[in-house]
């Protein structure tokens, strides 16, 4: 896996869910970041390609004062 480039490979079972925990380093405090999902590919039980998509959007705001509401 090429984690340095921000890539994280994964596999899901049918109708599965997956959670990614992101850790922000101190220099990110007060910044607004974006997360992008791309390059999705999948195969069915017979090895045939299937169409995949992700619905929705997300934005991440890193608090300037970690640990404070």
C-alpha atoms as a PDB file:
ATOM      1  CA  UNK A   1       0.000   0.000   0.000  1.00  0.00           C
ATOM      2  CA  UNK A   2       1.198   3.484  -0.865  1.00  0.00           C
ATOM      3  CA  UNK A   3       0.185   5.143   2.409  1.00  0.00           C
ATOM      4  CA  UNK A   4       2.571   8.085   1.923  1.00  0.00           C
ATOM      5  CA  UNK A   5       0.503   9.169  -1.081  1.00  0.00           C
ATOM      6  CA  UNK A   6      -2.706   9.057   0.971  1.00  0.00           C
ATOM      7  CA  UNK A   7      -3.940   5.809  -0.521  1.00  0.00           C
ATOM      8  CA  UNK A   8      -5.660   3.180   1.558  1.00  0.00           C
ATOM      9  CA  UNK A   9      -6.768  -0.018  -0.192  1.00  0.00           C
ATOM     10  CA  UNK A  10      -9.699  -1.957   1.269  1.00  0.00           C
ATOM     11  CA  UNK A  11     -12.186  -4.726   0.547  1.00  0.00           C
ATOM     12  CA  UNK A  12     -15.828  -4.903   1.560  1.00  0.00           C
ATOM     13  CA  UNK A  13     -18.140  -7.834   1.945  1.00  0.00           C
ATOM     14  CA  UNK A  14     -21.467  -7.489   0.073  1.00  0.00           C
ATOM     15  CA  UNK A  15     -23.447  -4.621   1.646  1.00  0.00           C
ATOM     16  CA  UNK A  16     -20.513  -4.055   3.996  1.00  0.00           C
ATOM     17  CA  UNK A  17     -19.514  -0.835   5.675  1.00  0.00           C
ATOM     18  CA  UNK A  18     -16.072   0.564   6.342  1.00  0.00           C
ATOM     19  CA  UNK A  19     -14.891   3.325   8.663  1.00  0.00           C
ATOM     20  CA  UNK A  20     -11.654   5.265   8.284  1.00  0.00           C
ATOM     21  CA  UNK A  21     -10.236   7.132  11.262  1.00  0.00           C
ATOM     22  CA  UNK A  22      -8.195  10.158  10.242  1.00  0.00           C
ATOM     23  CA  UNK A  23      -5.558  11.667  12.514  1.00  0.00           C
ATOM     24  CA  UNK A  24      -4.713  15.344  12.153  1.00  0.00           C
ATOM     25  CA  UNK A  25      -1.217  16.503  13.008  1.00  0.00           C
ATOM     26  CA  UNK A  26      -0.678  19.785  14.909  1.00  0.00           C
ATOM     27  CA  UNK A  27       0.182  21.836  11.773  1.00  0.00           C
ATOM     28  CA  UNK A  28      -3.352  21.101  10.471  1.00  0.00           C
ATOM     29  CA  UNK A  29      -5.013  22.993  13.353  1.00  0.00           C
ATOM     30  CA  UNK A  30      -7.524  25.530  12.072  1.00  0.00           C
ATOM     31  CA  UNK A  31      -7.433  24.194   8.509  1.00  0.00           C
ATOM     32  CA  UNK A  32     -10.313  22.924   6.399  1.00  0.00           C
ATOM     33  CA  UNK A  33      -9.507  19.706   4.579  1.00  0.00           C
ATOM     34  CA  UNK A  34     -11.265  17.617   1.965  1.00  0.00           C
ATOM     35  CA  UNK A  35     -11.438  13.880   1.477  1.00  0.00           C
ATOM     36  CA  UNK A  36     -11.827  12.414  -1.982  1.00  0.00           C
ATOM     37  CA  UNK A  37     -12.800   8.887  -2.959  1.00  0.00           C
ATOM     38  CA  UNK A  38     -11.734   7.870  -6.450  1.00  0.00           C
ATOM     39  CA  UNK A  39     -10.641   4.925  -8.514  1.00  0.00           C
ATOM     40  CA  UNK A  40     -13.277   2.546  -7.191  1.00  0.00           C
ATOM     41  CA  UNK A  41     -13.413  -0.864  -8.824  1.00  0.00           C
ATOM     42  CA  UNK A  42     -15.172  -4.073  -7.972  1.00  0.00           C
ATOM     43  CA  UNK A  43     -15.871  -7.594  -9.113  1.00  0.00           C
ATOM     44  CA  UNK A  44     -18.727  -9.954  -8.403  1.00  0.00           C
ATOM     45  CA  UNK A  45     -18.464 -13.574  -7.262  1.00  0.00           C
ATOM     46  CA  UNK A  46     -17.925 -14.636 -10.894  1.00  0.00           C
ATOM     47  CA  UNK A  47     -15.040 -12.187 -11.352  1.00  0.00           C
ATOM     48  CA  UNK A  48     -17.081  -9.844 -13.560  1.00  0.00           C
ATOM     49  CA  UNK A  49     -16.577  -6.087 -13.180  1.00  0.00           C
ATOM     50  CA  UNK A  50     -19.394  -4.218 -11.422  1.00  0.00           C
ATOM     51  CA  UNK A  51     -20.231  -0.512 -11.363  1.00  0.00           C
ATOM     52  CA  UNK A  52     -19.512   1.264  -8.073  1.00  0.00           C
ATOM     53  CA  UNK A  53     -20.347   4.720  -6.777  1.00  0.00           C
ATOM     54  CA  UNK A  54     -20.192   6.758  -3.594  1.00  0.00           C
ATOM     55  CA  UNK A  55     -23.075   9.032  -2.637  1.00  0.00           C
ATOM     56  CA  UNK A  56     -22.706  12.168  -0.553  1.00  0.00           C
ATOM     57  CA  UNK A  57     -20.075  14.713   0.370  1.00  0.00           C
ATOM     58  CA  UNK A  58     -17.898  15.329   3.377  1.00  0.00           C
ATOM     59  CA  UNK A  59     -15.822  18.164   4.706  1.00  0.00           C
ATOM     60  CA  UNK A  60     -13.421  18.017   7.608  1.00  0.00           C
ATOM     61  CA  UNK A  61     -12.623  20.955   9.852  1.00  0.00           C
ATOM     62  CA  UNK A  62      -9.665  20.536  12.179  1.00  0.00           C
ATOM     63  CA  UNK A  63     -10.243  22.399  15.436  1.00  0.00           C
ATOM     64  CA  UNK A  64      -7.668  25.083  16.229  1.00  0.00           C
ATOM     65  CA  UNK A  65      -7.840  24.084  19.912  1.00  0.00           C
ATOM     66  CA  UNK A  66      -7.885  20.269  20.012  1.00  0.00           C
ATOM     67  CA  UNK A  67      -9.864  18.868  22.901  1.00  0.00           C
ATOM     68  CA  UNK A  68     -11.953  22.017  23.372  1.00  0.00           C
ATOM     69  CA  UNK A  69     -15.562  22.219  22.095  1.00  0.00           C
END
